Amino acid sequence: LDKHGMNFADLTIEFFETATIYPGRGSRHVALGRLSDGAVVVIFAHLGTEAISIVSMRPASSRERSLLT
């Protein structure tokens, strides 16, 4: 929250259902999607079969935003 001014609580299941998700480093994944205030990148890992752990959330770069259009 402090570094990018974003709150993990803003993430919903709808974000992950509509986001583009691709493999990250190791067991992590990258989700690129939109929230009401703009495009964001979320780094997350699976916790078992029914949960995820949010590692990082930041505004998408201009290059990343161009992938959403």
Foldseek 3Di string as FASTA:
>chain_A
DVPAPDDPVQDDVVQVVPWDWDDDPDQKIWTWGAGPVAIKIWIWGDDPDPDIGTDDMHHDDPVSRVVVD
